[in-house]
Full PDB file with SEQRES, HELIX, SHEET, SSBOND, CRYST1, ORIGX, SCALE, CONECT and MASTER records, all heavy atoms in Angstrom:
SEQRES   1 A   45  LEU THR ALA ALA ASP VAL PHE VAL LEU PRO SER LEU SER          
SEQRES   2 A   45  GLU GLY PHE PRO PHE VAL LEU LEU GLU ALA LEU ALA MET          
SEQRES   3 A   45  GLY CYS PRO VAL VAL ALA SER ARG VAL ASN GLY VAL PRO          
SEQRES   4 A   45  GLU LEU ILE GLU ASP TYR                                      
HELIX    1 AA1 PHE A   18  ALA A   25  1                                   8    
HELIX    2 AA2 VAL A   38  GLU A   40  5                                   3    
SHEET    1 AA1 2 PHE A   7  LEU A   9  0                                        
SHEET    2 AA1 2 VAL A  30  ALA A  32  1                                        
CRYST1    1.000    1.000    1.000  90.00  90.00  90.00 P 1           1          
ORIGX1      1.000000  0.000000  0.000000        0.00000                         
ORIGX2      0.000000  1.000000  0.000000        0.00000                         
ORIGX3      0.000000  0.000000  1.000000        0.00000                         
SCALE1      1.000000  0.000000  0.000000        0.00000                         
SCALE2      0.000000  1.000000  0.000000        0.00000                         
SCALE3      0.000000  0.000000  1.000000        0.00000                         
ATOM      1  N   LEU A   1     -30.082 -36.498 142.694  1.00  0.00           N  
ATOM      2  CA  LEU A   1     -30.011 -35.315 143.552  1.00  0.00           C  
ATOM      3  C   LEU A   1     -30.085 -34.016 142.756  1.00  0.00           C  
ATOM      4  O   LEU A   1     -30.508 -32.984 143.288  1.00  0.00           O  
ATOM      5  CB  LEU A   1     -28.734 -35.353 144.392  1.00  0.00           C  
ATOM      6  CG  LEU A   1     -28.713 -36.411 145.512  1.00  0.00           C  
ATOM      7  CD1 LEU A   1     -27.320 -36.533 146.112  1.00  0.00           C  
ATOM      8  CD2 LEU A   1     -29.736 -36.080 146.593  1.00  0.00           C  
ATOM      9  N   THR A   2     -29.690 -34.052 141.482  1.00  0.00           N  
ATOM     10  CA  THR A   2     -29.781 -32.833 140.684  1.00  0.00           C  
ATOM     11  C   THR A   2     -31.234 -32.417 140.489  1.00  0.00           C  
ATOM     12  O   THR A   2     -31.518 -31.241 140.220  1.00  0.00           O  
ATOM     13  CB  THR A   2     -29.133 -33.016 139.299  1.00  0.00           C  
ATOM     14  OG1 THR A   2     -29.857 -34.005 138.556  1.00  0.00           O  
ATOM     15  CG2 THR A   2     -27.682 -33.398 139.410  1.00  0.00           C  
ATOM     16  N   ALA A   3     -32.161 -33.370 140.611  1.00  0.00           N  
ATOM     17  CA  ALA A   3     -33.586 -33.054 140.419  1.00  0.00           C  
ATOM     18  C   ALA A   3     -34.222 -32.413 141.648  1.00  0.00           C  
ATOM     19  O   ALA A   3     -35.335 -31.894 141.569  1.00  0.00           O  
ATOM     20  CB  ALA A   3     -34.346 -34.329 140.056  1.00  0.00           C  
ATOM     21  N   ALA A   4     -33.525 -32.434 142.778  1.00  0.00           N  
ATOM     22  CA  ALA A   4     -34.147 -32.048 144.045  1.00  0.00           C  
ATOM     23  C   ALA A   4     -34.163 -30.542 144.263  1.00  0.00           C  
ATOM     24  O   ALA A   4     -33.128 -29.872 144.152  1.00  0.00           O  
ATOM     25  CB  ALA A   4     -33.411 -32.725 145.199  1.00  0.00           C  
ATOM     26  N   ASP A   5     -35.335 -30.019 144.594  1.00  0.00           N  
ATOM     27  CA  ASP A   5     -35.415 -28.667 145.154  1.00  0.00           C  
ATOM     28  C   ASP A   5     -35.076 -28.716 146.641  1.00  0.00           C  
ATOM     29  O   ASP A   5     -34.475 -27.788 147.179  1.00  0.00           O  
ATOM     30  CB  ASP A   5     -36.819 -28.101 144.968  1.00  0.00           C  
ATOM     31  CG  ASP A   5     -37.102 -27.740 143.525  1.00  0.00           C  
ATOM     32  OD1 ASP A   5     -36.412 -26.865 142.989  1.00  0.00           O  
ATOM     33  OD2 ASP A   5     -38.003 -28.354 142.938  1.00  0.00           O  
ATOM     34  N   VAL A   6     -35.470 -29.819 147.286  1.00  0.00           N  
ATOM     35  CA  VAL A   6     -35.148 -30.038 148.702  1.00  0.00           C  
ATOM     36  C   VAL A   6     -34.869 -31.522 148.893  1.00  0.00           C  
ATOM     37  O   VAL A   6     -35.633 -32.370 148.402  1.00  0.00           O  
ATOM     38  CB  VAL A   6     -36.297 -29.613 149.642  1.00  0.00           C  
ATOM     39  CG1 VAL A   6     -35.902 -29.826 151.104  1.00  0.00           C  
ATOM     40  CG2 VAL A   6     -36.687 -28.162 149.418  1.00  0.00           C  
ATOM     41  N   PHE A   7     -33.783 -31.831 149.581  1.00  0.00           N  
ATOM     42  CA  PHE A   7     -33.524 -33.206 150.002  1.00  0.00           C  
ATOM     43  C   PHE A   7     -34.053 -33.370 151.421  1.00  0.00           C  
ATOM     44  O   PHE A   7     -33.763 -32.540 152.292  1.00  0.00           O  
ATOM     45  CB  PHE A   7     -32.035 -33.535 149.964  1.00  0.00           C  
ATOM     46  CG  PHE A   7     -31.735 -34.926 150.464  1.00  0.00           C  
ATOM     47  CD1 PHE A   7     -31.940 -36.020 149.658  1.00  0.00           C  
ATOM     48  CD2 PHE A   7     -31.293 -35.125 151.767  1.00  0.00           C  
ATOM     49  CE1 PHE A   7     -31.707 -37.305 150.126  1.00  0.00           C  
ATOM     50  CE2 PHE A   7     -31.059 -36.403 152.239  1.00  0.00           C  
ATOM     51  CZ  PHE A   7     -31.263 -37.503 151.417  1.00  0.00           C  
ATOM     52  N   VAL A   8     -34.819 -34.435 151.653  1.00  0.00           N  
ATOM     53  CA  VAL A   8     -35.470 -34.638 152.951  1.00  0.00           C  
ATOM     54  C   VAL A   8     -34.971 -35.937 153.576  1.00  0.00           C  
ATOM     55  O   VAL A   8     -34.983 -36.994 152.939  1.00  0.00           O  
ATOM     56  CB  VAL A   8     -37.002 -34.685 152.796  1.00  0.00           C  
ATOM     57  CG1 VAL A   8     -37.662 -34.759 154.175  1.00  0.00           C  
ATOM     58  CG2 VAL A   8     -37.518 -33.472 152.025  1.00  0.00           C  
ATOM     59  N   LEU A   9     -34.546 -35.850 154.826  1.00  0.00           N  
ATOM     60  CA  LEU A   9     -34.122 -37.026 155.585  1.00  0.00           C  
ATOM     61  C   LEU A   9     -34.959 -37.085 156.859  1.00  0.00           C  
ATOM     62  O   LEU A   9     -34.583 -36.504 157.882  1.00  0.00           O  
ATOM     63  CB  LEU A   9     -32.636 -36.950 155.924  1.00  0.00           C  
ATOM     64  CG  LEU A   9     -32.033 -38.230 156.513  1.00  0.00           C  
ATOM     65  CD1 LEU A   9     -31.817 -39.273 155.418  1.00  0.00           C  
ATOM     66  CD2 LEU A   9     -30.699 -37.933 157.204  1.00  0.00           C  
ATOM     67  N   PRO A  10     -36.109 -37.792 156.833  1.00  0.00           N  
ATOM     68  CA  PRO A  10     -37.014 -37.795 157.991  1.00  0.00           C  
ATOM     69  C   PRO A  10     -36.738 -38.917 158.988  1.00  0.00           C  
ATOM     70  O   PRO A  10     -37.627 -39.350 159.710  1.00  0.00           O  
ATOM     71  CB  PRO A  10     -38.383 -37.991 157.323  1.00  0.00           C  
ATOM     72  CG  PRO A  10     -38.084 -38.858 156.134  1.00  0.00           C  
ATOM     73  CD  PRO A  10     -36.690 -38.489 155.671  1.00  0.00           C  
ATOM     74  N   SER A  11     -35.494 -39.393 159.048  1.00  0.00           N  
ATOM     75  CA  SER A  11     -35.136 -40.590 159.812  1.00  0.00           C  
ATOM     76  C   SER A  11     -35.423 -40.455 161.303  1.00  0.00           C  
ATOM     77  O   SER A  11     -35.375 -39.364 161.876  1.00  0.00           O  
ATOM     78  CB  SER A  11     -33.655 -40.917 159.623  1.00  0.00           C  
ATOM     79  OG  SER A  11     -33.353 -41.150 158.267  1.00  0.00           O  
ATOM     80  N   LEU A  12     -35.646 -41.616 161.931  1.00  0.00           N  
ATOM     81  CA  LEU A  12     -35.813 -41.689 163.380  1.00  0.00           C  
ATOM     82  C   LEU A  12     -34.471 -41.899 164.066  1.00  0.00           C  
ATOM     83  O   LEU A  12     -34.321 -41.604 165.260  1.00  0.00           O  
ATOM     84  CB  LEU A  12     -36.773 -42.831 163.742  1.00  0.00           C  
ATOM     85  CG  LEU A  12     -38.098 -42.862 162.982  1.00  0.00           C  
ATOM     86  CD1 LEU A  12     -38.992 -43.964 163.528  1.00  0.00           C  
ATOM     87  CD2 LEU A  12     -38.796 -41.512 163.026  1.00  0.00           C  
ATOM     88  N   SER A  13     -33.511 -42.435 163.340  1.00  0.00           N  
ATOM     89  CA  SER A  13     -32.154 -42.591 163.863  1.00  0.00           C  
ATOM     90  C   SER A  13     -31.191 -42.678 162.686  1.00  0.00           C  
ATOM     91  O   SER A  13     -31.563 -43.124 161.604  1.00  0.00           O  
ATOM     92  CB  SER A  13     -32.029 -43.845 164.746  1.00  0.00           C  
ATOM     93  OG  SER A  13     -32.163 -45.022 163.972  1.00  0.00           O  
ATOM     94  N   GLU A  14     -29.974 -42.241 162.905  1.00  0.00           N  
ATOM     95  CA  GLU A  14     -28.911 -42.302 161.900  1.00  0.00           C  
ATOM     96  C   GLU A  14     -27.580 -42.339 162.629  1.00  0.00           C  
ATOM     97  O   GLU A  14     -27.486 -41.899 163.774  1.00  0.00           O  
ATOM     98  CB  GLU A  14     -28.933 -41.088 160.962  1.00  0.00           C  
ATOM     99  CG  GLU A  14     -30.082 -41.026 159.990  1.00  0.00           C  
ATOM    100  CD  GLU A  14     -29.944 -42.010 158.829  1.00  0.00           C  
ATOM    101  OE1 GLU A  14     -28.878 -42.626 158.694  1.00  0.00           O  
ATOM    102  OE2 GLU A  14     -30.920 -42.168 158.060  1.00  0.00           O  
ATOM    103  N   GLY A  15     -26.552 -42.842 161.964  1.00  0.00           N  
ATOM    104  CA  GLY A  15     -25.216 -42.748 162.509  1.00  0.00           C  
ATOM    105  C   GLY A  15     -24.584 -41.438 162.040  1.00  0.00           C  
ATOM    106  O   GLY A  15     -24.628 -40.410 162.712  1.00  0.00           O  
ATOM    107  N   PHE A  16     -24.019 -41.485 160.840  1.00  0.00           N  
ATOM    108  CA  PHE A  16     -23.494 -40.301 160.165  1.00  0.00           C  
ATOM    109  C   PHE A  16     -23.740 -40.549 158.692  1.00  0.00           C  
ATOM    110  O   PHE A  16     -22.871 -41.050 157.983  1.00  0.00           O  
ATOM    111  CB  PHE A  16     -22.008 -40.114 160.475  1.00  0.00           C  
ATOM    112  CG  PHE A  16     -21.501 -38.728 160.191  1.00  0.00           C  
ATOM    113  CD1 PHE A  16     -21.830 -37.669 161.023  1.00  0.00           C  
ATOM    114  CD2 PHE A  16     -20.709 -38.476 159.086  1.00  0.00           C  
ATOM    115  CE1 PHE A  16     -21.363 -36.389 160.765  1.00  0.00           C  
ATOM    116  CE2 PHE A  16     -20.232 -37.203 158.821  1.00  0.00           C  
ATOM    117  CZ  PHE A  16     -20.558 -36.153 159.668  1.00  0.00           C  
ATOM    118  N   PRO A  17     -24.947 -40.237 158.205  1.00  0.00           N  
ATOM    119  CA  PRO A  17     -25.445 -40.791 156.938  1.00  0.00           C  
ATOM    120  C   PRO A  17     -24.702 -40.321 155.695  1.00  0.00           C  
ATOM    121  O   PRO A  17     -24.562 -39.117 155.453  1.00  0.00           O  
ATOM    122  CB  PRO A  17     -26.905 -40.337 156.912  1.00  0.00           C  
ATOM    123  CG  PRO A  17     -26.982 -39.183 157.851  1.00  0.00           C  
ATOM    124  CD  PRO A  17     -25.953 -39.413 158.893  1.00  0.00           C  
ATOM    125  N   PHE A  18     -24.256 -41.298 154.901  1.00  0.00           N  
ATOM    126  CA  PHE A  18     -23.600 -40.986 153.638  1.00  0.00           C  
ATOM    127  C   PHE A  18     -24.523 -40.217 152.713  1.00  0.00           C  
ATOM    128  O   PHE A  18     -24.096 -39.309 152.001  1.00  0.00           O  
ATOM    129  CB  PHE A  18     -23.145 -42.276 152.942  1.00  0.00           C  
ATOM    130  CG  PHE A  18     -21.840 -42.797 153.455  1.00  0.00           C  
ATOM    131  CD1 PHE A  18     -21.810 -43.896 154.298  1.00  0.00           C  
ATOM    132  CD2 PHE A  18     -20.636 -42.204 153.106  1.00  0.00           C  
ATOM    133  CE1 PHE A  18     -20.608 -44.391 154.780  1.00  0.00           C  
ATOM    134  CE2 PHE A  18     -19.433 -42.684 153.587  1.00  0.00           C  
ATOM    135  CZ  PHE A  18     -19.414 -43.778 154.422  1.00  0.00           C  
ATOM    136  N   VAL A  19     -25.808 -40.590 152.700  1.00  0.00           N  
ATOM    137  CA  VAL A  19     -26.729 -39.946 151.765  1.00  0.00           C  
ATOM    138  C   VAL A  19     -26.870 -38.453 152.072  1.00  0.00           C  
ATOM    139  O   VAL A  19     -27.035 -37.633 151.154  1.00  0.00           O  
ATOM    140  CB  VAL A  19     -28.097 -40.660 151.779  1.00  0.00           C  
ATOM    141  CG1 VAL A  19     -28.815 -40.459 153.101  1.00  0.00           C  
ATOM    142  CG2 VAL A  19     -28.959 -40.222 150.617  1.00  0.00           C  
ATOM    143  N   LEU A  20     -26.763 -38.084 153.328  1.00  0.00           N  
ATOM    144  CA  LEU A  20     -26.816 -36.672 153.691  1.00  0.00           C  
ATOM    145  C   LEU A  20     -25.541 -35.957 153.235  1.00  0.00           C  
ATOM    146  O   LEU A  20     -25.589 -34.833 152.718  1.00  0.00           O  
ATOM    147  CB  LEU A  20     -27.010 -36.523 155.196  1.00  0.00           C  
ATOM    148  CG  LEU A  20     -27.262 -35.123 155.734  1.00  0.00           C  
ATOM    149  CD1 LEU A  20     -28.408 -34.447 155.005  1.00  0.00           C  
ATOM    150  CD2 LEU A  20     -27.558 -35.179 157.228  1.00  0.00           C  
ATOM    151  N   LEU A  21     -24.399 -36.605 153.398  1.00  0.00           N  
ATOM    152  CA  LEU A  21     -23.144 -36.056 152.885  1.00  0.00           C  
ATOM    153  C   LEU A  21     -23.220 -35.848 151.378  1.00  0.00           C  
ATOM    154  O   LEU A  21     -22.759 -34.827 150.845  1.00  0.00           O  
ATOM    155  CB  LEU A  21     -21.983 -37.006 153.211  1.00  0.00           C  
ATOM    156  CG  LEU A  21     -21.492 -37.055 154.657  1.00  0.00           C  
ATOM    157  CD1 LEU A  21     -20.601 -38.269 154.856  1.00  0.00           C  
ATOM    158  CD2 LEU A  21     -20.752 -35.781 155.013  1.00  0.00           C  
ATOM    159  N   GLU A  22     -23.820 -36.821 150.686  1.00  0.00           N  
ATOM    160  CA  GLU A  22     -23.921 -36.736 149.227  1.00  0.00           C  
ATOM    161  C   GLU A  22     -24.843 -35.599 148.807  1.00  0.00           C  
ATOM    162  O   GLU A  22     -24.542 -34.868 147.845  1.00  0.00           O  
ATOM    163  CB  GLU A  22     -24.398 -38.077 148.674  1.00  0.00           C  
ATOM    164  CG  GLU A  22     -23.358 -39.173 148.842  1.00  0.00           C  
ATOM    165  CD  GLU A  22     -23.900 -40.577 148.633  1.00  0.00           C  
ATOM    166  OE1 GLU A  22     -25.130 -40.743 148.559  1.00  0.00           O  
ATOM    167  OE2 GLU A  22     -23.083 -41.511 148.531  1.00  0.00           O  
ATOM    168  N   ALA A  23     -25.965 -35.439 149.503  1.00  0.00           N  
ATOM    169  CA  ALA A  23     -26.874 -34.341 149.188  1.00  0.00           C  
ATOM    170  C   ALA A  23     -26.191 -32.992 149.410  1.00  0.00           C  
ATOM    171  O   ALA A  23     -26.312 -32.070 148.586  1.00  0.00           O  
ATOM    172  CB  ALA A  23     -28.145 -34.452 150.038  1.00  0.00           C  
ATOM    173  N   LEU A  24     -25.462 -32.863 150.511  1.00  0.00           N  
ATOM    174  CA  LEU A  24     -24.742 -31.622 150.780  1.00  0.00           C  
ATOM    175  C   LEU A  24     -23.651 -31.379 149.734  1.00  0.00           C  
ATOM    176  O   LEU A  24     -23.437 -30.243 149.303  1.00  0.00           O  
ATOM    177  CB  LEU A  24     -24.134 -31.654 152.178  1.00  0.00           C  
ATOM    178  CG  LEU A  24     -25.122 -31.612 153.348  1.00  0.00           C  
ATOM    179  CD1 LEU A  24     -24.404 -31.855 154.667  1.00  0.00           C  
ATOM    180  CD2 LEU A  24     -25.866 -30.283 153.394  1.00  0.00           C  
ATOM    181  N   ALA A  25     -22.958 -32.447 149.328  1.00  0.00           N  
ATOM    182  CA  ALA A  25     -21.908 -32.313 148.318  1.00  0.00           C  
ATOM    183  C   ALA A  25     -22.464 -31.798 146.994  1.00  0.00           C  
ATOM    184  O   ALA A  25     -21.760 -31.143 146.227  1.00  0.00           O  
ATOM    185  CB  ALA A  25     -21.208 -33.653 148.110  1.00  0.00           C  
ATOM    186  N   MET A  26     -23.737 -32.090 146.725  1.00  0.00           N  
ATOM    187  CA  MET A  26     -24.395 -31.597 145.520  1.00  0.00           C  
ATOM    188  C   MET A  26     -24.959 -30.195 145.705  1.00  0.00           C  
ATOM    189  O   MET A  26     -25.513 -29.618 144.776  1.00  0.00           O  
ATOM    190  CB  MET A  26     -25.530 -32.542 145.128  1.00  0.00           C  
ATOM    191  CG  MET A  26     -25.075 -33.869 144.571  1.00  0.00           C  
ATOM    192  SD  MET A  26     -24.136 -33.719 143.030  1.00  0.00           S  
ATOM    193  CE  MET A  26     -25.380 -33.064 141.941  1.00  0.00           C  
ATOM    194  N   GLY A  27     -24.851 -29.650 146.906  1.00  0.00           N  
ATOM    195  CA  GLY A  27     -25.389 -28.323 147.159  1.00  0.00           C  
ATOM    196  C   GLY A  27     -26.895 -28.303 147.341  1.00  0.00           C  
ATOM    197  O   GLY A  27     -27.529 -27.245 147.207  1.00  0.00           O  
ATOM    198  N   CYS A  28     -27.497 -29.458 147.676  1.00  0.00           N  
ATOM    199  CA  CYS A  28     -28.946 -29.513 147.866  1.00  0.00           C  
ATOM    200  C   CYS A  28     -29.357 -28.830 149.165  1.00  0.00           C  
ATOM    201  O   CYS A  28     -28.737 -29.073 150.200  1.00  0.00           O  
ATOM    202  CB  CYS A  28     -29.418 -30.973 147.927  1.00  0.00           C  
ATOM    203  SG  CYS A  28     -29.340 -31.864 146.381  1.00  0.00           S  
ATOM    204  N   PRO A  29     -30.412 -28.028 149.138  1.00  0.00           N  
ATOM    205  CA  PRO A  29     -31.008 -27.597 150.405  1.00  0.00           C  
ATOM    206  C   PRO A  29     -31.557 -28.822 151.136  1.00  0.00           C  
ATOM    207  O   PRO A  29     -32.175 -29.689 150.528  1.00  0.00           O  
ATOM    208  CB  PRO A  29     -32.150 -26.671 149.951  1.00  0.00           C  
ATOM    209  CG  PRO A  29     -31.764 -26.230 148.570  1.00  0.00           C  
ATOM    210  CD  PRO A  29     -31.056 -27.410 147.966  1.00  0.00           C  
ATOM    211  N   VAL A  30     -31.304 -28.897 152.440  1.00  0.00           N  
ATOM    212  CA  VAL A  30     -31.598 -30.105 153.207  1.00  0.00           C  
ATOM    213  C   VAL A  30     -32.525 -29.808 154.369  1.00  0.00           C  
ATOM    214  O   VAL A  30     -32.332 -28.828 155.102  1.00  0.00           O  
ATOM    215  CB  VAL A  30     -30.293 -30.747 153.732  1.00  0.00           C  
ATOM    216  CG1 VAL A  30     -30.578 -31.804 154.794  1.00  0.00           C  
ATOM    217  CG2 VAL A  30     -29.488 -31.353 152.592  1.00  0.00           C  
ATOM    218  N   VAL A  31     -33.523 -30.684 154.539  1.00  0.00           N  
ATOM    219  CA  VAL A  31     -34.334 -30.728 155.756  1.00  0.00           C  
ATOM    220  C   VAL A  31     -34.133 -32.113 156.356  1.00  0.00           C  
ATOM    221  O   VAL A  31     -34.339 -33.126 155.674  1.00  0.00           O  
ATOM    222  CB  VAL A  31     -35.831 -30.488 155.457  1.00  0.00           C  
ATOM    223  CG1 VAL A  31     -36.659 -30.717 156.720  1.00  0.00           C  
ATOM    224  CG2 VAL A  31     -36.055 -29.089 154.907  1.00  0.00           C  
ATOM    225  N   ALA A  32     -33.718 -32.183 157.618  1.00  0.00           N  
ATOM    226  CA  ALA A  32     -33.379 -33.476 158.222  1.00  0.00           C  
ATOM    227  C   ALA A  32     -33.818 -33.526 159.675  1.00  0.00           C  
ATOM    228  O   ALA A  32     -33.934 -32.491 160.351  1.00  0.00           O  
ATOM    229  CB  ALA A  32     -31.871 -33.720 158.136  1.00  0.00           C  
ATOM    230  N   SER A  33     -34.051 -34.750 160.155  1.00  0.00           N  
ATOM    231  CA  SER A  33     -34.388 -34.959 161.558  1.00  0.00           C  
ATOM    232  C   SER A  33     -33.183 -34.678 162.451  1.00  0.00           C  
ATOM    233  O   SER A  33     -32.050 -35.021 162.109  1.00  0.00           O  
ATOM    234  CB  SER A  33     -34.846 -36.403 161.777  1.00  0.00           C  
ATOM    235  OG  SER A  33     -36.002 -36.698 161.043  1.00  0.00           O  
ATOM    236  N   ARG A  34     -33.455 -34.105 163.597  1.00  0.00           N  
ATOM    237  CA  ARG A  34     -32.396 -33.825 164.572  1.00  0.00           C  
ATOM    238  C   ARG A  34     -32.150 -35.106 165.391  1.00  0.00           C  
ATOM    239  O   ARG A  34     -32.629 -35.251 166.526  1.00  0.00           O  
ATOM    240  CB  ARG A  34     -32.816 -32.679 165.486  1.00  0.00           C  
ATOM    241  CG  ARG A  34     -31.706 -32.149 166.397  1.00  0.00           C  
ATOM    242  CD  ARG A  34     -32.278 -31.179 167.422  1.00  0.00           C  
ATOM    243  NE  ARG A  34     -32.869 -30.019 166.809  1.00  0.00           N  
ATOM    244  CZ  ARG A  34     -32.208 -28.909 166.492  1.00  0.00           C  
ATOM    245  NH1 ARG A  34     -30.917 -28.817 166.743  1.00  0.00           N  
ATOM    246  NH2 ARG A  34     -32.840 -27.886 165.930  1.00  0.00           N  
ATOM    247  N   VAL A  35     -31.387 -36.034 164.817  1.00  0.00           N  
ATOM    248  CA  VAL A  35     -31.114 -37.309 165.484  1.00  0.00           C  
ATOM    249  C   VAL A  35     -29.632 -37.658 165.365  1.00  0.00           C  
ATOM    250  O   VAL A  35     -28.989 -37.365 164.364  1.00  0.00           O  
ATOM    251  CB  VAL A  35     -31.959 -38.465 164.879  1.00  0.00           C  
ATOM    252  CG1 VAL A  35     -33.434 -38.276 165.171  1.00  0.00           C  
ATOM    253  CG2 VAL A  35     -31.731 -38.613 163.376  1.00  0.00           C  
ATOM    254  N   ASN A  36     -29.102 -38.274 166.425  1.00  0.00           N  
ATOM    255  CA  ASN A  36     -27.760 -38.849 166.433  1.00  0.00           C  
ATOM    256  C   ASN A  36     -26.724 -37.905 165.830  1.00  0.00           C  
ATOM    257  O   ASN A  36     -26.588 -36.780 166.267  1.00  0.00           O  
ATOM    258  CB  ASN A  36     -27.777 -40.211 165.722  1.00  0.00           C  
ATOM    259  CG  ASN A  36     -28.813 -41.163 166.268  1.00  0.00           C  
ATOM    260  OD1 ASN A  36     -29.907 -41.235 165.724  1.00  0.00           O  
ATOM    261  ND2 ASN A  36     -28.510 -41.869 167.352  1.00  0.00           N  
ATOM    262  N   GLY A  37     -26.005 -38.363 164.799  1.00  0.00           N  
ATOM    263  CA  GLY A  37     -24.919 -37.561 164.246  1.00  0.00           C  
ATOM    264  C   GLY A  37     -25.328 -36.499 163.251  1.00  0.00           C  
ATOM    265  O   GLY A  37     -24.469 -35.731 162.774  1.00  0.00           O  
ATOM    266  N   VAL A  38     -26.616 -36.404 162.926  1.00  0.00           N  
ATOM    267  CA  VAL A  38     -27.059 -35.435 161.911  1.00  0.00           C  
ATOM    268  C   VAL A  38     -26.700 -33.991 162.282  1.00  0.00           C  
ATOM    269  O   VAL A  38     -26.213 -33.229 161.434  1.00  0.00           O  
ATOM    270  CB  VAL A  38     -28.570 -35.588 161.631  1.00  0.00           C  
ATOM    271  CG1 VAL A  38     -29.088 -34.450 160.757  1.00  0.00           C  
ATOM    272  CG2 VAL A  38     -28.846 -36.935 160.964  1.00  0.00           C  
ATOM    273  N   PRO A  39     -26.879 -33.538 163.546  1.00  0.00           N  
ATOM    274  CA  PRO A  39     -26.499 -32.157 163.888  1.00  0.00           C  
ATOM    275  C   PRO A  39     -25.002 -31.888 163.792  1.00  0.00           C  
ATOM    276  O   PRO A  39     -24.587 -30.721 163.844  1.00  0.00           O  
ATOM    277  CB  PRO A  39     -26.989 -31.996 165.334  1.00  0.00           C  
ATOM    278  CG  PRO A  39     -28.087 -33.001 165.473  1.00  0.00           C  
ATOM    279  CD  PRO A  39     -27.639 -34.164 164.654  1.00  0.00           C  
ATOM    280  N   GLU A  40     -24.183 -32.927 163.663  1.00  0.00           N  
ATOM    281  CA  GLU A  40     -22.762 -32.721 163.429  1.00  0.00           C  
ATOM    282  C   GLU A  40     -22.494 -32.297 161.989  1.00  0.00           C  
ATOM    283  O   GLU A  40     -21.399 -31.834 161.658  1.00  0.00           O  
ATOM    284  CB  GLU A  40     -21.979 -33.992 163.783  1.00  0.00           C  
ATOM    285  CG  GLU A  40     -22.025 -34.321 165.263  1.00  0.00           C  
ATOM    286  CD  GLU A  40     -21.514 -35.711 165.602  1.00  0.00           C  
ATOM    287  OE1 GLU A  40     -20.457 -36.103 165.052  1.00  0.00           O  
ATOM    288  OE2 GLU A  40     -22.169 -36.416 166.400  1.00  0.00           O  
ATOM    289  N   LEU A  41     -23.492 -32.470 161.136  1.00  0.00           N  
ATOM    290  CA  LEU A  41     -23.427 -32.054 159.732  1.00  0.00           C  
ATOM    291  C   LEU A  41     -24.283 -30.832 159.457  1.00  0.00           C  
ATOM    292  O   LEU A  41     -23.881 -29.927 158.733  1.00  0.00           O  
ATOM    293  CB  LEU A  41     -23.922 -33.195 158.830  1.00  0.00           C  
ATOM    294  CG  LEU A  41     -22.905 -34.084 158.146  1.00  0.00           C  
ATOM    295  CD1 LEU A  41     -23.620 -35.158 157.351  1.00  0.00           C  
ATOM    296  CD2 LEU A  41     -21.998 -33.272 157.252  1.00  0.00           C  
ATOM    297  N   ILE A  42     -25.494 -30.829 159.999  1.00  0.00           N  
ATOM    298  CA  ILE A  42     -26.461 -29.774 159.714  1.00  0.00           C  
ATOM    299  C   ILE A  42     -26.521 -28.801 160.884  1.00  0.00           C  
ATOM    300  O   ILE A  42     -26.928 -29.154 161.987  1.00  0.00           O  
ATOM    301  CB  ILE A  42     -27.863 -30.360 159.453  1.00  0.00           C  
ATOM    302  CG1 ILE A  42     -27.827 -31.348 158.291  1.00  0.00           C  
ATOM    303  CG2 ILE A  42     -28.862 -29.234 159.182  1.00  0.00           C  
ATOM    304  CD1 ILE A  42     -27.412 -30.737 156.973  1.00  0.00           C  
ATOM    305  N   GLU A  43     -26.096 -27.579 160.615  1.00  0.00           N  
ATOM    306  CA  GLU A  43     -26.279 -26.497 161.573  1.00  0.00           C  
ATOM    307  C   GLU A  43     -27.532 -25.743 161.157  1.00  0.00           C  
ATOM    308  O   GLU A  43     -27.611 -25.230 160.033  1.00  0.00           O  
ATOM    309  CB  GLU A  43     -25.062 -25.572 161.592  1.00  0.00           C  
ATOM    310  CG  GLU A  43     -25.157 -24.487 162.648  1.00  0.00           C  
ATOM    311  CD  GLU A  43     -23.930 -23.599 162.683  1.00  0.00           C  
ATOM    312  OE1 GLU A  43     -22.899 -23.964 162.083  1.00  0.00           O  
ATOM    313  OE2 GLU A  43     -24.020 -22.516 163.312  1.00  0.00           O  
ATOM    314  N   ASP A  44     -28.507 -25.682 162.050  1.00  0.00           N  
ATOM    315  CA  ASP A  44     -29.819 -25.140 161.714  1.00  0.00           C  
ATOM    316  C   ASP A  44     -29.714 -23.730 161.128  1.00  0.00           C  
ATOM    317  O   ASP A  44     -29.045 -22.858 161.679  1.00  0.00           O  
ATOM    318  CB  ASP A  44     -30.695 -25.127 162.982  1.00  0.00           C  
ATOM    319  CG  ASP A  44     -32.163 -25.397 162.676  1.00  0.00           C  
ATOM    320  OD1 ASP A  44     -32.480 -25.767 161.522  1.00  0.00           O  
ATOM    321  OD2 ASP A  44     -32.983 -25.266 163.597  1.00  0.00           O  
ATOM    322  N   TYR A  45     -30.354 -23.546 159.977  1.00  0.00           N  
ATOM    323  CA  TYR A  45     -30.411 -22.285 159.249  1.00  0.00           C  
ATOM    324  C   TYR A  45     -29.055 -21.864 158.673  1.00  0.00           C  
ATOM    325  O   TYR A  45     -28.931 -20.768 158.133  1.00  0.00           O  
ATOM    326  CB  TYR A  45     -30.985 -21.158 160.117  1.00  0.00           C  
ATOM    327  CG  TYR A  45     -32.460 -21.323 160.364  1.00  0.00           C  
ATOM    328  CD1 TYR A  45     -32.912 -21.956 161.522  1.00  0.00           C  
ATOM    329  CD2 TYR A  45     -33.402 -20.900 159.430  1.00  0.00           C  
ATOM    330  CE1 TYR A  45     -34.278 -22.144 161.745  1.00  0.00           C  
ATOM    331  CE2 TYR A  45     -34.764 -21.079 159.650  1.00  0.00           C  
ATOM    332  CZ  TYR A  45     -35.191 -21.706 160.805  1.00  0.00           C  
ATOM    333  OH  TYR A  45     -36.536 -21.890 161.016  1.00  0.00           O  
TER     334      TYR A  45                                                      
MASTER        0    0    0    2    2    0    0    6  333    1    0    4          
END                                                                             
């Protein structure tokens, strides 16, 4: 994750993904699909 300029999660479905939590914990800028529990983590912009 330290190598990432952007972390991308293009999933069609997710529960509450650990990998997204990990990317956020590293301070990675994130682009993710608006599915299931993802908007509970990612507030747009």
